[in-house]
Amino acid sequence: MLTFILVFALIAGSAVIYLSNKNQRWRKKHINSRWRILAYFLFIVALFGFYSGMSLPVSLFICLMVIMLSHMFIPFLVLMVRDK
């Protein structure tokens, strides 16, 4: 259950970073870049959460993998969901 919550925190942080980018296509206008602080906080909390149950290299790998995959998947999800 904790792993699911931590992965969701990483995906939410990636979504916030995507939404604060000026080239995002989810909303008509991008959100304020101050929201990136929340995303970085979610990344750090998830890293410490994974580190509580695993070693540091494994927790870093999992966090970077989930962030990387969500940064690749979110723009394609927006293209599939958005009506044109």
C-alpha atoms as a PDB file:
ATOM      1  CA  MET A   1       0.000   0.000   0.000  1.00  0.00           C
ATOM      2  CA  LEU A   2       2.836   2.383   0.817  1.00  0.00           C
ATOM      3  CA  THR A   3       4.498   1.638  -2.511  1.00  0.00           C
ATOM      4  CA  PHE A   4       1.306   2.534  -4.369  1.00  0.00           C
ATOM      5  CA  ILE A   5       1.057   5.851  -2.507  1.00  0.00           C
ATOM      6  CA  LEU A   6       4.712   6.674  -3.205  1.00  0.00           C
ATOM      7  CA  VAL A   7       4.389   5.856  -6.906  1.00  0.00           C
ATOM      8  CA  PHE A   8       1.258   8.014  -7.050  1.00  0.00           C
ATOM      9  CA  ALA A   9       3.199  10.859  -5.401  1.00  0.00           C
ATOM     10  CA  LEU A  10       5.893  10.562  -8.066  1.00  0.00           C
ATOM     11  CA  ILE A  11       3.316  10.594 -10.869  1.00  0.00           C
ATOM     12  CA  ALA A  12       1.531  13.577  -9.306  1.00  0.00           C
ATOM     13  CA  GLY A  13       4.821  15.457  -9.059  1.00  0.00           C
ATOM     14  CA  SER A  14       5.557  14.709 -12.694  1.00  0.00           C
ATOM     15  CA  ALA A  15       2.097  15.938 -13.677  1.00  0.00           C
ATOM     16  CA  VAL A  16       2.658  19.194 -11.784  1.00  0.00           C
ATOM     17  CA  ILE A  17       5.965  19.722 -13.561  1.00  0.00           C
ATOM     18  CA  TYR A  18       4.271  19.022 -16.905  1.00  0.00           C
ATOM     19  CA  LEU A  19       1.440  21.448 -16.144  1.00  0.00           C
ATOM     20  CA  SER A  20       3.885  24.207 -15.160  1.00  0.00           C
ATOM     21  CA  ASN A  21       5.710  23.947 -18.485  1.00  0.00           C
ATOM     22  CA  LYS A  22       4.761  26.569 -21.064  1.00  0.00           C
ATOM     23  CA  ASN A  23       4.560  23.938 -23.831  1.00  0.00           C
ATOM     24  CA  GLN A  24       1.989  21.749 -22.098  1.00  0.00           C
ATOM     25  CA  ARG A  25      -1.232  20.909 -23.954  1.00  0.00           C
ATOM     26  CA  TRP A  26      -3.457  19.739 -21.095  1.00  0.00           C
ATOM     27  CA  ARG A  27      -4.831  23.158 -20.168  1.00  0.00           C
ATOM     28  CA  LYS A  28      -5.127  26.350 -22.164  1.00  0.00           C
ATOM     29  CA  LYS A  29      -2.683  28.181 -19.886  1.00  0.00           C
ATOM     30  CA  HIS A  30       0.154  26.714 -17.858  1.00  0.00           C
ATOM     31  CA  ILE A  31       0.091  26.909 -14.062  1.00  0.00           C
ATOM     32  CA  ASN A  32       2.449  29.121 -12.094  1.00  0.00           C
ATOM     33  CA  SER A  33       6.016  27.842 -11.851  1.00  0.00           C
ATOM     34  CA  ARG A  34       5.869  28.109  -8.047  1.00  0.00           C
ATOM     35  CA  TRP A  35       3.943  24.845  -8.053  1.00  0.00           C
ATOM     36  CA  ARG A  36       7.177  23.071  -9.002  1.00  0.00           C
ATOM     37  CA  ILE A  37       8.219  23.358  -5.348  1.00  0.00           C
ATOM     38  CA  LEU A  38       5.344  20.998  -4.530  1.00  0.00           C
ATOM     39  CA  ALA A  39       6.559  18.581  -7.196  1.00  0.00           C
ATOM     40  CA  TYR A  40      10.108  18.582  -5.819  1.00  0.00           C
ATOM     41  CA  PHE A  41       8.716  18.049  -2.321  1.00  0.00           C
ATOM     42  CA  LEU A  42       6.713  15.047  -3.554  1.00  0.00           C
ATOM     43  CA  PHE A  43       9.834  13.641  -5.225  1.00  0.00           C
ATOM     44  CA  ILE A  44      11.882  13.956  -2.023  1.00  0.00           C
ATOM     45  CA  VAL A  45       9.134  12.476   0.160  1.00  0.00           C
ATOM     46  CA  ALA A  46       8.786   9.518  -2.215  1.00  0.00           C
ATOM     47  CA  LEU A  47      12.552   9.008  -2.249  1.00  0.00           C
ATOM     48  CA  PHE A  48      12.668   8.923   1.558  1.00  0.00           C
ATOM     49  CA  GLY A  49       9.646   6.620   1.605  1.00  0.00           C
ATOM     50  CA  PHE A  50      11.310   4.150  -0.736  1.00  0.00           C
ATOM     51  CA  TYR A  51      14.594   4.513   1.167  1.00  0.00           C
ATOM     52  CA  SER A  52      12.867   3.426   4.388  1.00  0.00           C
ATOM     53  CA  GLY A  53      12.288  -0.031   2.930  1.00  0.00           C
ATOM     54  CA  MET A  54      15.091  -0.430   0.389  1.00  0.00           C
ATOM     55  CA  SER A  55      18.688   0.528  -0.172  1.00  0.00           C
ATOM     56  CA  LEU A  56      19.598   3.931  -1.580  1.00  0.00           C
ATOM     57  CA  PRO A  57      20.586   2.797  -5.109  1.00  0.00           C
ATOM     58  CA  VAL A  58      17.380   0.803  -5.493  1.00  0.00           C
ATOM     59  CA  SER A  59      15.190   3.637  -4.233  1.00  0.00           C
ATOM     60  CA  LEU A  60      16.943   6.143  -6.520  1.00  0.00           C
ATOM     61  CA  PHE A  61      16.480   3.817  -9.480  1.00  0.00           C
ATOM     62  CA  ILE A  62      12.776   3.331  -8.777  1.00  0.00           C
ATOM     63  CA  CYS A  63      12.164   7.055  -8.329  1.00  0.00           C
ATOM     64  CA  LEU A  64      14.041   8.011 -11.475  1.00  0.00           C
ATOM     65  CA  MET A  65      12.363   5.247 -13.471  1.00  0.00           C
ATOM     66  CA  VAL A  66       8.843   6.275 -12.443  1.00  0.00           C
ATOM     67  CA  ILE A  67       9.577   9.973 -13.053  1.00  0.00           C
ATOM     68  CA  MET A  68      11.085   9.244 -16.458  1.00  0.00           C
ATOM     69  CA  LEU A  69       8.241   6.978 -17.547  1.00  0.00           C
ATOM     70  CA  SER A  70       5.569   9.392 -16.378  1.00  0.00           C
ATOM     71  CA  HIS A  71       7.269  12.303 -18.159  1.00  0.00           C
ATOM     72  CA  MET A  72       7.117  10.255 -21.355  1.00  0.00           C
ATOM     73  CA  PHE A  73       3.563   8.999 -20.836  1.00  0.00           C
ATOM     74  CA  ILE A  74       1.724  12.158 -19.673  1.00  0.00           C
ATOM     75  CA  PRO A  75       1.970  14.042 -23.011  1.00  0.00           C
ATOM     76  CA  PHE A  76       0.670  10.997 -24.897  1.00  0.00           C
ATOM     77  CA  LEU A  77      -2.151  10.590 -22.385  1.00  0.00           C
ATOM     78  CA  VAL A  78      -3.156  14.194 -23.002  1.00  0.00           C
ATOM     79  CA  LEU A  79      -3.239  13.562 -26.754  1.00  0.00           C
ATOM     80  CA  MET A  80      -5.475  10.520 -26.298  1.00  0.00           C
ATOM     81  CA  VAL A  81      -7.886  12.176 -23.861  1.00  0.00           C
ATOM     82  CA  ARG A  82      -8.137  15.622 -25.413  1.00  0.00           C
ATOM     83  CA  ASP A  83     -10.965  16.125 -27.909  1.00  0.00           C
ATOM     84  CA  LYS A  84     -10.177  17.944 -31.127  1.00  0.00           C
END
